[in-house]
Amino acid sequence: MANKIPICPLMSAGNEINIVCAQENCAWYMKNYKTCSMYLIAHNAVLDIKAKQEKNTPQ
């Protein structure tokens, strides 16, 4: 499997050209998870939405 070049979601937003992630040189980079905190925030938001939908779904 080829290595993917990580893209910065913050710097790339609204640009036609993707900006490469600065990784450990970025304040948003989570070394423990080896990913951008923006991805973790988005992932947690999706899990929260799914949990709320399941709670409100009539059975």
N, C-alpha and C. Protein backbone atom coordinates (compact mmCIF):
# COMPACT_ATOMS: atom_id res chain seq x y z
N MET A 1 0.85 -1.18 0.00
CA MET A 1 0.00 0.00 0.00
C MET A 1 0.89 1.24 0.00
N ALA A 2 0.61 2.16 -0.88
CA ALA A 2 1.42 3.37 -0.99
C ALA A 2 1.13 4.32 0.16
N ASN A 3 2.18 5.03 0.59
CA ASN A 3 2.00 6.04 1.63
C ASN A 3 1.18 7.19 1.09
N LYS A 4 0.19 7.60 1.86
CA LYS A 4 -0.60 8.76 1.47
C LYS A 4 0.03 10.01 2.07
N ILE A 5 0.04 11.07 1.32
CA ILE A 5 0.54 12.34 1.83
C ILE A 5 -0.60 12.98 2.63
N PRO A 6 -0.39 13.27 3.92
CA PRO A 6 -1.47 13.85 4.72
C PRO A 6 -1.77 15.28 4.29
N ILE A 7 -3.04 15.59 4.23
CA ILE A 7 -3.50 16.91 3.81
C ILE A 7 -4.03 17.65 5.04
N CYS A 8 -3.70 18.93 5.16
CA CYS A 8 -4.17 19.75 6.27
C CYS A 8 -5.60 20.19 6.00
N PRO A 9 -6.55 19.78 6.86
CA PRO A 9 -7.94 20.17 6.62
C PRO A 9 -8.18 21.66 6.86
N LEU A 10 -7.41 22.27 7.74
CA LEU A 10 -7.59 23.69 8.03
C LEU A 10 -7.04 24.58 6.94
N MET A 11 -5.83 24.32 6.53
CA MET A 11 -5.19 25.14 5.51
C MET A 11 -5.76 24.89 4.11
N SER A 12 -6.32 23.70 3.90
CA SER A 12 -6.85 23.35 2.58
C SER A 12 -8.29 23.82 2.38
N ALA A 13 -8.98 24.15 3.47
CA ALA A 13 -10.38 24.56 3.37
C ALA A 13 -10.51 25.82 2.53
N GLY A 14 -11.32 25.75 1.50
CA GLY A 14 -11.56 26.90 0.64
C GLY A 14 -10.50 27.14 -0.43
N ASN A 15 -9.48 26.30 -0.49
CA ASN A 15 -8.43 26.44 -1.50
C ASN A 15 -8.63 25.41 -2.60
N GLU A 16 -8.21 25.75 -3.78
CA GLU A 16 -8.26 24.79 -4.89
C GLU A 16 -7.12 23.79 -4.78
N ILE A 17 -6.05 24.18 -4.10
CA ILE A 17 -4.87 23.33 -3.95
C ILE A 17 -4.82 22.82 -2.51
N ASN A 18 -4.63 21.52 -2.34
CA ASN A 18 -4.49 20.94 -1.01
C ASN A 18 -3.13 21.31 -0.41
N ILE A 19 -3.13 21.63 0.86
CA ILE A 19 -1.90 21.98 1.57
C ILE A 19 -1.45 20.75 2.37
N VAL A 20 -0.18 20.44 2.28
CA VAL A 20 0.37 19.27 2.97
C VAL A 20 0.43 19.55 4.48
N CYS A 21 0.09 18.55 5.25
CA CYS A 21 0.11 18.64 6.72
C CYS A 21 1.54 18.83 7.22
N ALA A 22 1.72 19.74 8.17
CA ALA A 22 3.04 19.99 8.76
C ALA A 22 3.35 19.01 9.89
N GLN A 23 2.40 18.18 10.21
CA GLN A 23 2.48 17.16 11.25
C GLN A 23 3.04 17.71 12.56
N GLU A 24 4.16 17.26 13.04
CA GLU A 24 4.66 17.63 14.36
C GLU A 24 5.00 19.12 14.48
N ASN A 25 5.04 19.84 13.38
CA ASN A 25 5.29 21.28 13.42
C ASN A 25 3.99 22.08 13.51
N CYS A 26 2.89 21.41 13.70
CA CYS A 26 1.58 22.06 13.77
C CYS A 26 0.98 21.90 15.17
N ALA A 27 0.36 22.96 15.66
CA ALA A 27 -0.25 22.94 16.99
C ALA A 27 -1.47 22.02 17.05
N TRP A 28 -2.09 21.74 15.91
CA TRP A 28 -3.29 20.90 15.86
C TRP A 28 -2.97 19.41 15.72
N TYR A 29 -1.71 19.07 15.51
CA TYR A 29 -1.31 17.68 15.28
C TYR A 29 -1.23 16.95 16.61
N MET A 30 -1.85 15.77 16.66
CA MET A 30 -1.84 14.94 17.86
C MET A 30 -0.80 13.83 17.68
N LYS A 31 0.34 13.97 18.33
CA LYS A 31 1.42 12.99 18.18
C LYS A 31 1.00 11.59 18.61
N ASN A 32 0.22 11.51 19.69
CA ASN A 32 -0.20 10.20 20.20
C ASN A 32 -1.00 9.40 19.17
N TYR A 33 -1.83 10.11 18.40
CA TYR A 33 -2.70 9.47 17.43
C TYR A 33 -2.15 9.54 16.00
N LYS A 34 -1.09 10.31 15.83
CA LYS A 34 -0.47 10.52 14.52
C LYS A 34 -1.49 11.02 13.50
N THR A 35 -2.29 12.01 13.92
CA THR A 35 -3.29 12.60 13.05
C THR A 35 -3.63 14.01 13.53
N CYS A 36 -4.36 14.71 12.72
CA CYS A 36 -4.79 16.07 13.03
C CYS A 36 -5.96 16.02 14.02
N SER A 37 -5.95 16.94 14.97
CA SER A 37 -7.04 16.97 15.94
C SER A 37 -8.38 17.30 15.28
N MET A 38 -8.35 17.96 14.12
CA MET A 38 -9.60 18.25 13.41
C MET A 38 -10.30 16.96 12.98
N TYR A 39 -9.53 15.96 12.59
CA TYR A 39 -10.11 14.66 12.23
C TYR A 39 -10.72 13.99 13.46
N LEU A 40 -10.05 14.11 14.61
CA LEU A 40 -10.57 13.52 15.84
C LEU A 40 -11.85 14.22 16.29
N ILE A 41 -11.88 15.54 16.17
CA ILE A 41 -13.08 16.30 16.52
C ILE A 41 -14.24 15.89 15.62
N ALA A 42 -13.99 15.77 14.34
CA ALA A 42 -15.04 15.37 13.39
C ALA A 42 -15.52 13.95 13.68
N HIS A 43 -14.60 13.06 13.96
CA HIS A 43 -14.96 11.66 14.27
C HIS A 43 -15.84 11.61 15.52
N ASN A 44 -15.45 12.32 16.56
CA ASN A 44 -16.24 12.33 17.79
C ASN A 44 -17.62 12.96 17.57
N ALA A 45 -17.70 13.97 16.72
CA ALA A 45 -18.98 14.59 16.41
C ALA A 45 -19.91 13.61 15.71
N VAL A 46 -19.37 12.82 14.79
CA VAL A 46 -20.18 11.82 14.09
C VAL A 46 -20.69 10.77 15.07
N LEU A 47 -19.84 10.32 15.97
CA LEU A 47 -20.27 9.34 16.98
C LEU A 47 -21.36 9.92 17.88
N ASP A 48 -21.24 11.19 18.24
CA ASP A 48 -22.24 11.85 19.08
C ASP A 48 -23.57 11.97 18.35
N ILE A 49 -23.53 12.33 17.08
CA ILE A 49 -24.76 12.44 16.28
C ILE A 49 -25.43 11.08 16.15
N LYS A 50 -24.64 10.04 15.89
CA LYS A 50 -25.21 8.69 15.75
C LYS A 50 -25.87 8.24 17.05
N ALA A 51 -25.22 8.55 18.19
CA ALA A 51 -25.78 8.15 19.49
C ALA A 51 -27.09 8.89 19.75
N LYS A 52 -27.17 10.17 19.40
CA LYS A 52 -28.39 10.94 19.59
C LYS A 52 -29.50 10.44 18.67
N GLN A 53 -29.16 10.05 17.44
CA GLN A 53 -30.15 9.54 16.51
C GLN A 53 -30.70 8.20 17.01
N GLU A 54 -29.84 7.35 17.52
CA GLU A 54 -30.29 6.05 18.03
C GLU A 54 -31.18 6.24 19.26
N LYS A 55 -30.86 7.23 20.08
CA LYS A 55 -31.64 7.51 21.28
C LYS A 55 -33.03 8.02 20.92
N ASN A 56 -33.14 8.81 19.86
CA ASN A 56 -34.40 9.41 19.47
C ASN A 56 -35.21 8.58 18.48
N THR A 57 -34.67 7.47 18.03
CA THR A 57 -35.37 6.60 17.08
C THR A 57 -36.42 5.77 17.81
N PRO A 58 -37.69 5.90 17.42
CA PRO A 58 -38.74 5.07 18.06
C PRO A 58 -38.54 3.59 17.69
N GLN A 59 -38.81 2.76 18.66
CA GLN A 59 -38.60 1.32 18.42
C GLN A 59 -39.89 0.56 18.42
